[in-house]
């Protein structure tokens, strides 16, 4: 018996998802660095607030979305224009 082939997502959907996730991870690393290294007192301001979880959630969410879209936009702008080069991605 042959195993049924697993359906793969279309190439552009995978491209968007992978590049967005890479950008979000970069944003989370930057947000962690801002809090950990207490840049401009922001880490102590967040950690000493009454709502630490909410402040961290808002910060990580906004950094993730911003960096995710930025990384995706850069990836889209740097896409090859010829079909042969695009097929090699």
C-alpha atoms as a PDB file:
ATOM      1  CA  UNK A   1       0.000   0.000   0.000  1.00  0.00           C
ATOM      2  CA  UNK A   2       1.107   3.498  -0.708  1.00  0.00           C
ATOM      3  CA  UNK A   3       0.810   6.218   1.847  1.00  0.00           C
ATOM      4  CA  UNK A   4      -1.361   9.164   0.906  1.00  0.00           C
ATOM      5  CA  UNK A   5       0.658  12.267   0.149  1.00  0.00           C
ATOM      6  CA  UNK A   6       0.418  14.980   2.711  1.00  0.00           C
ATOM      7  CA  UNK A   7      -0.984  18.197   1.293  1.00  0.00           C
ATOM      8  CA  UNK A   8       1.442  21.094   1.410  1.00  0.00           C
ATOM      9  CA  UNK A   9       0.450  24.692   1.672  1.00  0.00           C
ATOM     10  CA  UNK A  10       0.962  26.808  -1.431  1.00  0.00           C
ATOM     11  CA  UNK A  11       4.411  28.340  -1.800  1.00  0.00           C
ATOM     12  CA  UNK A  12       3.355  31.941  -1.150  1.00  0.00           C
ATOM     13  CA  UNK A  13       1.359  31.025   1.975  1.00  0.00           C
ATOM     14  CA  UNK A  14       4.399  29.204   3.381  1.00  0.00           C
ATOM     15  CA  UNK A  15       6.555  32.201   2.417  1.00  0.00           C
ATOM     16  CA  UNK A  16       4.310  34.614   4.327  1.00  0.00           C
ATOM     17  CA  UNK A  17       4.009  32.379   7.387  1.00  0.00           C
ATOM     18  CA  UNK A  18       7.718  31.583   7.681  1.00  0.00           C
ATOM     19  CA  UNK A  19       8.861  35.186   7.211  1.00  0.00           C
ATOM     20  CA  UNK A  20       6.229  36.515   9.609  1.00  0.00           C
ATOM     21  CA  UNK A  21       7.257  34.026  12.277  1.00  0.00           C
ATOM     22  CA  UNK A  22      10.949  34.872  11.862  1.00  0.00           C
ATOM     23  CA  UNK A  23      10.146  38.569  12.252  1.00  0.00           C
ATOM     24  CA  UNK A  24       7.987  37.917  15.315  1.00  0.00           C
ATOM     25  CA  UNK A  25      10.773  35.943  16.991  1.00  0.00           C
ATOM     26  CA  UNK A  26      13.199  38.790  16.301  1.00  0.00           C
ATOM     27  CA  UNK A  27      10.692  41.209  17.843  1.00  0.00           C
ATOM     28  CA  UNK A  28      10.328  39.030  20.940  1.00  0.00           C
ATOM     29  CA  UNK A  29      14.118  38.872  21.322  1.00  0.00           C
ATOM     30  CA  UNK A  30      14.336  42.664  21.079  1.00  0.00           C
ATOM     31  CA  UNK A  31      11.498  43.095  23.602  1.00  0.00           C
ATOM     32  CA  UNK A  32      13.228  40.685  25.974  1.00  0.00           C
ATOM     33  CA  UNK A  33      16.487  42.625  25.599  1.00  0.00           C
ATOM     34  CA  UNK A  34      14.727  45.941  26.310  1.00  0.00           C
ATOM     35  CA  UNK A  35      13.264  44.569  29.544  1.00  0.00           C
ATOM     36  CA  UNK A  36      16.308  42.556  30.629  1.00  0.00           C
ATOM     37  CA  UNK A  37      18.902  45.276  30.033  1.00  0.00           C
ATOM     38  CA  UNK A  38      16.556  47.949  31.420  1.00  0.00           C
ATOM     39  CA  UNK A  39      17.034  50.274  28.462  1.00  0.00           C
ATOM     40  CA  UNK A  40      16.118  53.831  29.525  1.00  0.00           C
ATOM     41  CA  UNK A  41      14.585  52.417  32.700  1.00  0.00           C
ATOM     42  CA  UNK A  42      11.845  50.685  30.724  1.00  0.00           C
ATOM     43  CA  UNK A  43      12.514  47.245  32.232  1.00  0.00           C
ATOM     44  CA  UNK A  44      12.186  48.463  35.798  1.00  0.00           C
ATOM     45  CA  UNK A  45       9.108  50.489  34.876  1.00  0.00           C
ATOM     46  CA  UNK A  46       7.404  47.375  33.479  1.00  0.00           C
ATOM     47  CA  UNK A  47       8.554  45.009  36.229  1.00  0.00           C
ATOM     48  CA  UNK A  48       7.500  47.370  39.043  1.00  0.00           C
ATOM     49  CA  UNK A  49       4.045  48.109  37.631  1.00  0.00           C
ATOM     50  CA  UNK A  50       0.875  46.722  39.198  1.00  0.00           C
ATOM     51  CA  UNK A  51       0.007  44.807  36.033  1.00  0.00           C
ATOM     52  CA  UNK A  52       3.255  43.167  34.970  1.00  0.00           C
ATOM     53  CA  UNK A  53       1.609  40.423  32.899  1.00  0.00           C
ATOM     54  CA  UNK A  54      -0.555  42.862  30.969  1.00  0.00           C
ATOM     55  CA  UNK A  55       2.368  45.215  30.332  1.00  0.00           C
ATOM     56  CA  UNK A  56       4.576  42.367  29.098  1.00  0.00           C
ATOM     57  CA  UNK A  57       1.780  40.971  26.927  1.00  0.00           C
ATOM     58  CA  UNK A  58       1.169  44.337  25.265  1.00  0.00           C
ATOM     59  CA  UNK A  59       4.891  44.879  24.759  1.00  0.00           C
ATOM     60  CA  UNK A  60       5.595  41.419  23.304  1.00  0.00           C
ATOM     61  CA  UNK A  61       2.462  41.530  21.135  1.00  0.00           C
ATOM     62  CA  UNK A  62       3.285  44.947  19.680  1.00  0.00           C
ATOM     63  CA  UNK A  63       6.978  44.152  19.127  1.00  0.00           C
ATOM     64  CA  UNK A  64       6.061  40.813  17.518  1.00  0.00           C
ATOM     65  CA  UNK A  65       3.506  42.325  15.152  1.00  0.00           C
ATOM     66  CA  UNK A  66       5.734  45.269  14.203  1.00  0.00           C
ATOM     67  CA  UNK A  67       8.855  43.224  13.560  1.00  0.00           C
ATOM     68  CA  UNK A  68       6.838  40.456  11.865  1.00  0.00           C
ATOM     69  CA  UNK A  69       5.335  42.852   9.346  1.00  0.00           C
ATOM     70  CA  UNK A  70       8.656  44.614   8.860  1.00  0.00           C
ATOM     71  CA  UNK A  71      10.487  41.358   8.135  1.00  0.00           C
ATOM     72  CA  UNK A  72       7.704  40.166   5.823  1.00  0.00           C
ATOM     73  CA  UNK A  73       7.694  43.466   3.930  1.00  0.00           C
ATOM     74  CA  UNK A  74      11.448  43.286   3.448  1.00  0.00           C
ATOM     75  CA  UNK A  75      11.174  39.698   2.210  1.00  0.00           C
ATOM     76  CA  UNK A  76       8.427  40.614  -0.270  1.00  0.00           C
ATOM     77  CA  UNK A  77      10.363  43.595  -1.610  1.00  0.00           C
ATOM     78  CA  UNK A  78      13.432  41.415  -2.141  1.00  0.00           C
ATOM     79  CA  UNK A  79      11.567  38.676  -4.037  1.00  0.00           C
ATOM     80  CA  UNK A  80      13.083  37.838  -7.420  1.00  0.00           C
ATOM     81  CA  UNK A  81      11.189  39.171 -10.409  1.00  0.00           C
ATOM     82  CA  UNK A  82      11.876  36.413 -12.923  1.00  0.00           C
ATOM     83  CA  UNK A  83       9.904  33.171 -12.777  1.00  0.00           C
ATOM     84  CA  UNK A  84      13.019  30.979 -12.936  1.00  0.00           C
ATOM     85  CA  UNK A  85      14.591  32.657  -9.906  1.00  0.00           C
ATOM     86  CA  UNK A  86      11.281  32.603  -8.023  1.00  0.00           C
ATOM     87  CA  UNK A  87      10.892  28.850  -8.556  1.00  0.00           C
ATOM     88  CA  UNK A  88      14.235  28.302  -6.799  1.00  0.00           C
ATOM     89  CA  UNK A  89      12.927  29.809  -3.547  1.00  0.00           C
END
